[in-house]
């Protein structure tokens, strides 16, 4: 993901611009805590609640942030209507997520956006950096996909691990083997999600209760969409 750090930089730029340098953040589908790590490096007075269901990734996150009182983690299924009751706070300045919500189909994602609208304070933000595909541009989409996969192949030839190789190593790790096995019981090989367009995301967020929503960064494959309550 060659543009990964750039999307995080813009995400945190907009956090600072809209809610300031000491935000209470919900790191949604947090994985290993990549967003939280960058958040706290840039804003030492921020606090973060990471939410995920993946036991392997949460094991890594909890180990990495152990002893940091600014960070809490919650195990919850975002498709469970009661997941918000597990959170330590009733409201957040910012809800941030990256390369995760495409694991959900559009119906559950629309429901999730409605729940997030109830968590974000007035003037607060949601930012989602993810794959958002415009079905009206099939030739551009095909060219971008071919280029991206060629870059991935070159990275793998140079020694980078791909998705399946990384998880194969996790399954052999003495700390991660158990959580990884549990993870596959939950998800299987990969979730069956969707990647609706930027327009769909923006309209769905406005219908959910956000006042404004638009893209603030994009690469050929991904978009960072910002919504303000």
C-alpha atoms as a PDB file:
ATOM      1  CA  UNK A   1       0.000   0.000   0.000  1.00  0.00           C
ATOM      2  CA  UNK A   2       2.351   2.724  -1.242  1.00  0.00           C
ATOM      3  CA  UNK A   3       0.039   5.622  -0.289  1.00  0.00           C
ATOM      4  CA  UNK A   4      -0.737   4.364   3.216  1.00  0.00           C
ATOM      5  CA  UNK A   5       1.229   6.962   5.173  1.00  0.00           C
ATOM      6  CA  UNK A   6      -0.066   9.802   3.028  1.00  0.00           C
ATOM      7  CA  UNK A   7      -3.686   8.900   3.784  1.00  0.00           C
ATOM      8  CA  UNK A   8      -2.910   8.743   7.500  1.00  0.00           C
ATOM      9  CA  UNK A   9      -1.221  12.146   7.356  1.00  0.00           C
ATOM     10  CA  UNK A  10      -4.235  13.758   5.689  1.00  0.00           C
ATOM     11  CA  UNK A  11      -6.583  12.010   8.115  1.00  0.00           C
ATOM     12  CA  UNK A  12      -4.736  13.475  11.098  1.00  0.00           C
ATOM     13  CA  UNK A  13      -4.444  16.878   9.417  1.00  0.00           C
ATOM     14  CA  UNK A  14      -8.227  16.998   9.228  1.00  0.00           C
ATOM     15  CA  UNK A  15      -8.639  15.759  12.808  1.00  0.00           C
ATOM     16  CA  UNK A  16      -6.519  18.696  13.961  1.00  0.00           C
ATOM     17  CA  UNK A  17      -8.307  21.146  11.678  1.00  0.00           C
ATOM     18  CA  UNK A  18     -11.814  20.180  12.805  1.00  0.00           C
ATOM     19  CA  UNK A  19     -11.605  18.908  16.398  1.00  0.00           C
ATOM     20  CA  UNK A  20      -8.174  20.004  17.626  1.00  0.00           C
ATOM     21  CA  UNK A  21      -4.981  18.317  18.890  1.00  0.00           C
ATOM     22  CA  UNK A  22      -6.445  16.534  21.949  1.00  0.00           C
ATOM     23  CA  UNK A  23      -9.230  14.420  20.445  1.00  0.00           C
ATOM     24  CA  UNK A  24     -11.106  11.503  21.922  1.00  0.00           C
ATOM     25  CA  UNK A  25     -10.961   9.011  19.049  1.00  0.00           C
ATOM     26  CA  UNK A  26     -12.782   5.808  18.213  1.00  0.00           C
ATOM     27  CA  UNK A  27     -10.454   3.657  16.080  1.00  0.00           C
ATOM     28  CA  UNK A  28     -13.057   1.592  14.253  1.00  0.00           C
ATOM     29  CA  UNK A  29     -12.076  -1.908  13.065  1.00  0.00           C
ATOM     30  CA  UNK A  30      -8.700  -1.002  14.518  1.00  0.00           C
ATOM     31  CA  UNK A  31      -6.744  -4.137  13.648  1.00  0.00           C
ATOM     32  CA  UNK A  32      -3.259  -3.895  15.129  1.00  0.00           C
ATOM     33  CA  UNK A  33      -3.789  -0.220  16.027  1.00  0.00           C
ATOM     34  CA  UNK A  34      -2.123   1.443  13.046  1.00  0.00           C
ATOM     35  CA  UNK A  35      -4.271   4.579  13.261  1.00  0.00           C
ATOM     36  CA  UNK A  36      -3.947   4.813  17.038  1.00  0.00           C
ATOM     37  CA  UNK A  37      -0.167   4.529  16.813  1.00  0.00           C
ATOM     38  CA  UNK A  38       0.092   7.443  14.407  1.00  0.00           C
ATOM     39  CA  UNK A  39      -2.556   9.428  16.312  1.00  0.00           C
ATOM     40  CA  UNK A  40      -0.642   9.293  19.601  1.00  0.00           C
ATOM     41  CA  UNK A  41       2.722  10.009  18.006  1.00  0.00           C
ATOM     42  CA  UNK A  42       1.295  13.201  16.534  1.00  0.00           C
ATOM     43  CA  UNK A  43      -1.105  14.135  19.356  1.00  0.00           C
ATOM     44  CA  UNK A  44       0.303  12.900  22.689  1.00  0.00           C
ATOM     45  CA  UNK A  45      -2.740  14.180  24.617  1.00  0.00           C
ATOM     46  CA  UNK A  46      -5.233  12.266  22.465  1.00  0.00           C
ATOM     47  CA  UNK A  47      -7.086   9.196  23.712  1.00  0.00           C
ATOM     48  CA  UNK A  48      -8.206   6.220  21.640  1.00  0.00           C
ATOM     49  CA  UNK A  49     -10.696   3.375  21.892  1.00  0.00           C
ATOM     50  CA  UNK A  50      -9.888   0.589  19.442  1.00  0.00           C
ATOM     51  CA  UNK A  51     -12.738  -1.705  18.410  1.00  0.00           C
ATOM     52  CA  UNK A  52     -12.326  -4.952  16.483  1.00  0.00           C
ATOM     53  CA  UNK A  53     -13.486  -8.558  16.443  1.00  0.00           C
ATOM     54  CA  UNK A  54     -10.291 -10.170  15.138  1.00  0.00           C
ATOM     55  CA  UNK A  55      -8.611 -11.920  18.115  1.00  0.00           C
ATOM     56  CA  UNK A  56      -5.205 -12.176  16.414  1.00  0.00           C
ATOM     57  CA  UNK A  57      -4.968  -8.513  15.483  1.00  0.00           C
ATOM     58  CA  UNK A  58      -6.285  -7.450  18.886  1.00  0.00           C
ATOM     59  CA  UNK A  59      -3.618  -9.596  20.545  1.00  0.00           C
ATOM     60  CA  UNK A  60      -0.962  -7.646  18.655  1.00  0.00           C
ATOM     61  CA  UNK A  61      -2.622  -4.311  19.448  1.00  0.00           C
ATOM     62  CA  UNK A  62      -3.013  -5.014  23.163  1.00  0.00           C
ATOM     63  CA  UNK A  63       0.585  -6.170  23.394  1.00  0.00           C
ATOM     64  CA  UNK A  64       1.928  -3.134  21.564  1.00  0.00           C
ATOM     65  CA  UNK A  65       0.007  -0.596  23.658  1.00  0.00           C
ATOM     66  CA  UNK A  66       0.225  -2.419  26.981  1.00  0.00           C
ATOM     67  CA  UNK A  67       0.559   0.052  29.844  1.00  0.00           C
ATOM     68  CA  UNK A  68      -0.544   3.088  27.795  1.00  0.00           C
ATOM     69  CA  UNK A  69      -3.473   4.559  29.729  1.00  0.00           C
ATOM     70  CA  UNK A  70      -4.499   6.644  26.729  1.00  0.00           C
ATOM     71  CA  UNK A  71      -5.602   3.516  24.859  1.00  0.00           C
ATOM     72  CA  UNK A  72      -8.390   0.998  25.444  1.00  0.00           C
ATOM     73  CA  UNK A  73      -9.500  -1.908  23.282  1.00  0.00           C
ATOM     74  CA  UNK A  74     -12.937  -3.449  22.933  1.00  0.00           C
ATOM     75  CA  UNK A  75     -13.763  -6.780  21.329  1.00  0.00           C
ATOM     76  CA  UNK A  76     -17.016  -6.295  19.435  1.00  0.00           C
ATOM     77  CA  UNK A  77     -18.761  -7.300  16.218  1.00  0.00           C
ATOM     78  CA  UNK A  78     -19.742  -4.177  14.266  1.00  0.00           C
ATOM     79  CA  UNK A  79     -22.710  -6.083  12.819  1.00  0.00           C
ATOM     80  CA  UNK A  80     -24.072  -6.639  16.332  1.00  0.00           C
ATOM     81  CA  UNK A  81     -26.631  -3.870  17.018  1.00  0.00           C
ATOM     82  CA  UNK A  82     -25.455  -3.649  20.632  1.00  0.00           C
ATOM     83  CA  UNK A  83     -21.732  -3.173  19.966  1.00  0.00           C
ATOM     84  CA  UNK A  84     -21.885   0.498  20.999  1.00  0.00           C
ATOM     85  CA  UNK A  85     -22.865  -0.502  24.545  1.00  0.00           C
ATOM     86  CA  UNK A  86     -19.381  -1.987  24.999  1.00  0.00           C
ATOM     87  CA  UNK A  87     -17.645   1.372  24.513  1.00  0.00           C
ATOM     88  CA  UNK A  88     -16.199   3.284  27.474  1.00  0.00           C
ATOM     89  CA  UNK A  89     -17.607   6.635  26.248  1.00  0.00           C
ATOM     90  CA  UNK A  90     -20.982   7.797  24.938  1.00  0.00           C
ATOM     91  CA  UNK A  91     -19.495  10.252  22.444  1.00  0.00           C
ATOM     92  CA  UNK A  92     -16.306  10.847  20.453  1.00  0.00           C
ATOM     93  CA  UNK A  93     -14.673  13.789  18.713  1.00  0.00           C
ATOM     94  CA  UNK A  94     -13.577  11.619  15.811  1.00  0.00           C
ATOM     95  CA  UNK A  95     -14.263   8.131  14.470  1.00  0.00           C
ATOM     96  CA  UNK A  96     -11.436   6.949  12.229  1.00  0.00           C
ATOM     97  CA  UNK A  97     -11.125   3.808  10.112  1.00  0.00           C
ATOM     98  CA  UNK A  98      -8.948   2.630   7.234  1.00  0.00           C
ATOM     99  CA  UNK A  99      -9.108  -0.253   4.774  1.00  0.00           C
ATOM    100  CA  UNK A 100     -11.628  -2.153   6.869  1.00  0.00           C
ATOM    101  CA  UNK A 101     -15.294  -1.347   6.226  1.00  0.00           C
ATOM    102  CA  UNK A 102     -15.243  -2.853   2.717  1.00  0.00           C
ATOM    103  CA  UNK A 103     -15.573  -6.130   4.639  1.00  0.00           C
ATOM    104  CA  UNK A 104     -19.223  -5.156   5.219  1.00  0.00           C
ATOM    105  CA  UNK A 105     -22.016  -5.258   2.675  1.00  0.00           C
ATOM    106  CA  UNK A 106     -23.871  -2.007   1.996  1.00  0.00           C
ATOM    107  CA  UNK A 107     -26.903  -2.786   4.197  1.00  0.00           C
ATOM    108  CA  UNK A 108     -24.947  -3.428   7.405  1.00  0.00           C
ATOM    109  CA  UNK A 109     -22.599  -0.550   6.542  1.00  0.00           C
ATOM    110  CA  UNK A 110     -25.518   1.888   6.251  1.00  0.00           C
ATOM    111  CA  UNK A 111     -26.745   0.689   9.646  1.00  0.00           C
ATOM    112  CA  UNK A 112     -23.255   1.142  11.076  1.00  0.00           C
ATOM    113  CA  UNK A 113     -23.059   4.694   9.738  1.00  0.00           C
ATOM    114  CA  UNK A 114     -26.285   5.467  11.571  1.00  0.00           C
ATOM    115  CA  UNK A 115     -24.835   4.144  14.814  1.00  0.00           C
ATOM    116  CA  UNK A 116     -21.649   6.161  14.318  1.00  0.00           C
ATOM    117  CA  UNK A 117     -23.717   9.309  13.767  1.00  0.00           C
ATOM    118  CA  UNK A 118     -25.101   8.739  17.246  1.00  0.00           C
ATOM    119  CA  UNK A 119     -21.595   8.488  18.723  1.00  0.00           C
ATOM    120  CA  UNK A 120     -19.989  11.528  17.070  1.00  0.00           C
ATOM    121  CA  UNK A 121     -20.534  14.786  18.928  1.00  0.00           C
ATOM    122  CA  UNK A 122     -21.846  17.873  17.147  1.00  0.00           C
ATOM    123  CA  UNK A 123     -18.974  19.271  15.118  1.00  0.00           C
ATOM    124  CA  UNK A 124     -17.148  15.941  15.323  1.00  0.00           C
ATOM    125  CA  UNK A 125     -16.014  13.860  12.375  1.00  0.00           C
ATOM    126  CA  UNK A 126     -16.003  10.443  10.794  1.00  0.00           C
ATOM    127  CA  UNK A 127     -13.214   9.573   8.371  1.00  0.00           C
ATOM    128  CA  UNK A 128     -13.170   6.385   6.341  1.00  0.00           C
ATOM    129  CA  UNK A 129     -10.174   5.592   4.111  1.00  0.00           C
ATOM    130  CA  UNK A 130     -11.050   2.613   1.954  1.00  0.00           C
ATOM    131  CA  UNK A 131     -11.646   1.113  -1.472  1.00  0.00           C
ATOM    132  CA  UNK A 132     -14.568   3.020  -3.052  1.00  0.00           C
ATOM    133  CA  UNK A 133     -15.217   1.934  -6.617  1.00  0.00           C
ATOM    134  CA  UNK A 134     -17.013   3.966  -9.269  1.00  0.00           C
ATOM    135  CA  UNK A 135     -18.762   1.376 -11.466  1.00  0.00           C
ATOM    136  CA  UNK A 136     -19.194   3.994 -14.210  1.00  0.00           C
ATOM    137  CA  UNK A 137     -15.465   3.894 -15.086  1.00  0.00           C
ATOM    138  CA  UNK A 138     -14.695   0.238 -15.928  1.00  0.00           C
ATOM    139  CA  UNK A 139     -11.652   0.906 -18.144  1.00  0.00           C
ATOM    140  CA  UNK A 140     -10.023   3.160 -15.538  1.00  0.00           C
ATOM    141  CA  UNK A 141     -10.817   0.593 -12.846  1.00  0.00           C
ATOM    142  CA  UNK A 142      -9.274  -2.244 -14.860  1.00  0.00           C
ATOM    143  CA  UNK A 143      -6.117  -0.265 -15.622  1.00  0.00           C
ATOM    144  CA  UNK A 144      -5.699   0.769 -11.977  1.00  0.00           C
ATOM    145  CA  UNK A 145      -6.196  -2.785 -10.755  1.00  0.00           C
ATOM    146  CA  UNK A 146      -3.661  -4.185 -13.216  1.00  0.00           C
ATOM    147  CA  UNK A 147      -1.096  -1.550 -12.224  1.00  0.00           C
ATOM    148  CA  UNK A 148      -1.675  -2.106  -8.502  1.00  0.00           C
ATOM    149  CA  UNK A 149      -1.319  -5.867  -8.781  1.00  0.00           C
ATOM    150  CA  UNK A 150       1.857  -5.479 -10.825  1.00  0.00           C
ATOM    151  CA  UNK A 151       3.288  -3.314  -8.028  1.00  0.00           C
ATOM    152  CA  UNK A 152       2.242  -5.918  -5.466  1.00  0.00           C
ATOM    153  CA  UNK A 153       3.913  -8.671  -7.487  1.00  0.00           C
ATOM    154  CA  UNK A 154       7.144  -6.685  -7.634  1.00  0.00           C
ATOM    155  CA  UNK A 155       6.989  -6.094  -3.880  1.00  0.00           C
ATOM    156  CA  UNK A 156       6.471  -9.803  -3.257  1.00  0.00           C
ATOM    157  CA  UNK A 157       9.383 -10.673  -5.548  1.00  0.00           C
ATOM    158  CA  UNK A 158      11.499  -8.291  -3.445  1.00  0.00           C
ATOM    159  CA  UNK A 159      10.588 -10.170  -0.255  1.00  0.00           C
ATOM    160  CA  UNK A 160       7.358  -8.616   0.997  1.00  0.00           C
ATOM    161  CA  UNK A 161       4.806 -10.984   2.488  1.00  0.00           C
ATOM    162  CA  UNK A 162       1.365 -11.176   0.923  1.00  0.00           C
ATOM    163  CA  UNK A 163      -1.891 -11.665   2.834  1.00  0.00           C
ATOM    164  CA  UNK A 164      -1.857 -15.468   2.954  1.00  0.00           C
ATOM    165  CA  UNK A 165       1.859 -15.684   3.773  1.00  0.00           C
ATOM    166  CA  UNK A 166       1.495 -13.267   6.693  1.00  0.00           C
ATOM    167  CA  UNK A 167      -1.374 -15.262   8.165  1.00  0.00           C
ATOM    168  CA  UNK A 168       0.512 -18.539   7.656  1.00  0.00           C
ATOM    169  CA  UNK A 169       3.342 -17.153   9.800  1.00  0.00           C
ATOM    170  CA  UNK A 170       0.864 -15.921  12.418  1.00  0.00           C
ATOM    171  CA  UNK A 171      -0.612 -19.423  12.618  1.00  0.00           C
ATOM    172  CA  UNK A 172       2.833 -20.756  13.595  1.00  0.00           C
ATOM    173  CA  UNK A 173       3.665 -18.048  16.118  1.00  0.00           C
ATOM    174  CA  UNK A 174       3.523 -19.278  19.745  1.00  0.00           C
ATOM    175  CA  UNK A 175       1.554 -16.212  20.885  1.00  0.00           C
ATOM    176  CA  UNK A 176      -0.644 -15.737  17.815  1.00  0.00           C
ATOM    177  CA  UNK A 177      -1.395 -19.359  16.848  1.00  0.00           C
ATOM    178  CA  UNK A 178      -4.432 -19.688  19.118  1.00  0.00           C
ATOM    179  CA  UNK A 179      -5.956 -16.291  18.295  1.00  0.00           C
ATOM    180  CA  UNK A 180      -5.325 -16.897  14.574  1.00  0.00           C
ATOM    181  CA  UNK A 181      -7.183 -20.212  14.665  1.00  0.00           C
ATOM    182  CA  UNK A 182     -10.037 -18.456  16.456  1.00  0.00           C
ATOM    183  CA  UNK A 183      -9.966 -15.723  13.822  1.00  0.00           C
ATOM    184  CA  UNK A 184     -10.515 -18.219  10.996  1.00  0.00           C
ATOM    185  CA  UNK A 185     -13.452 -19.697  12.870  1.00  0.00           C
ATOM    186  CA  UNK A 186     -15.005 -16.215  12.907  1.00  0.00           C
ATOM    187  CA  UNK A 187     -14.196 -14.967   9.411  1.00  0.00           C
ATOM    188  CA  UNK A 188     -13.139 -17.871   7.229  1.00  0.00           C
ATOM    189  CA  UNK A 189     -10.609 -17.004   4.529  1.00  0.00           C
ATOM    190  CA  UNK A 190     -12.050 -13.557   3.803  1.00  0.00           C
ATOM    191  CA  UNK A 191     -15.282 -11.711   4.517  1.00  0.00           C
ATOM    192  CA  UNK A 192     -17.865 -11.137   1.799  1.00  0.00           C
ATOM    193  CA  UNK A 193     -18.051  -7.353   1.610  1.00  0.00           C
ATOM    194  CA  UNK A 194     -18.716  -4.587  -0.902  1.00  0.00           C
ATOM    195  CA  UNK A 195     -16.985  -1.453  -2.170  1.00  0.00           C
ATOM    196  CA  UNK A 196     -19.677   1.114  -3.043  1.00  0.00           C
ATOM    197  CA  UNK A 197     -18.818   4.442  -4.644  1.00  0.00           C
ATOM    198  CA  UNK A 198     -17.788   7.675  -2.980  1.00  0.00           C
ATOM    199  CA  UNK A 199     -21.199   9.076  -3.898  1.00  0.00           C
ATOM    200  CA  UNK A 200     -22.957   6.224  -2.055  1.00  0.00           C
ATOM    201  CA  UNK A 201     -20.864   6.747   1.080  1.00  0.00           C
ATOM    202  CA  UNK A 202     -21.428  10.514   1.114  1.00  0.00           C
ATOM    203  CA  UNK A 203     -25.176  10.243   0.559  1.00  0.00           C
ATOM    204  CA  UNK A 204     -25.553   7.484   3.137  1.00  0.00           C
ATOM    205  CA  UNK A 205     -23.649   9.498   5.733  1.00  0.00           C
ATOM    206  CA  UNK A 206     -25.778  12.599   5.138  1.00  0.00           C
ATOM    207  CA  UNK A 207     -28.919  10.486   5.431  1.00  0.00           C
ATOM    208  CA  UNK A 208     -27.541   9.074   8.689  1.00  0.00           C
ATOM    209  CA  UNK A 209     -27.318  12.536  10.226  1.00  0.00           C
ATOM    210  CA  UNK A 210     -24.013  14.051   9.148  1.00  0.00           C
ATOM    211  CA  UNK A 211     -24.254  17.601   7.839  1.00  0.00           C
ATOM    212  CA  UNK A 212     -21.476  17.405   5.245  1.00  0.00           C
ATOM    213  CA  UNK A 213     -19.511  14.615   3.591  1.00  0.00           C
ATOM    214  CA  UNK A 214     -16.948  14.547   0.790  1.00  0.00           C
ATOM    215  CA  UNK A 215     -13.585  13.134  -0.248  1.00  0.00           C
ATOM    216  CA  UNK A 216     -10.527  14.963   1.131  1.00  0.00           C
ATOM    217  CA  UNK A 217      -7.865  12.668  -0.369  1.00  0.00           C
ATOM    218  CA  UNK A 218      -7.710  10.026  -3.063  1.00  0.00           C
ATOM    219  CA  UNK A 219      -5.252   7.687  -4.736  1.00  0.00           C
ATOM    220  CA  UNK A 220      -6.064   5.757  -7.926  1.00  0.00           C
ATOM    221  CA  UNK A 221      -7.516   2.939  -5.801  1.00  0.00           C
ATOM    222  CA  UNK A 222      -8.632   4.430  -2.480  1.00  0.00           C
ATOM    223  CA  UNK A 223     -10.469   7.424  -1.038  1.00  0.00           C
ATOM    224  CA  UNK A 224     -10.456   9.207   2.315  1.00  0.00           C
ATOM    225  CA  UNK A 225     -14.008  10.394   2.910  1.00  0.00           C
ATOM    226  CA  UNK A 226     -14.665  12.965   5.634  1.00  0.00           C
ATOM    227  CA  UNK A 227     -18.082  13.535   7.217  1.00  0.00           C
ATOM    228  CA  UNK A 228     -18.825  16.314   9.739  1.00  0.00           C
ATOM    229  CA  UNK A 229     -21.708  16.066  12.225  1.00  0.00           C
END
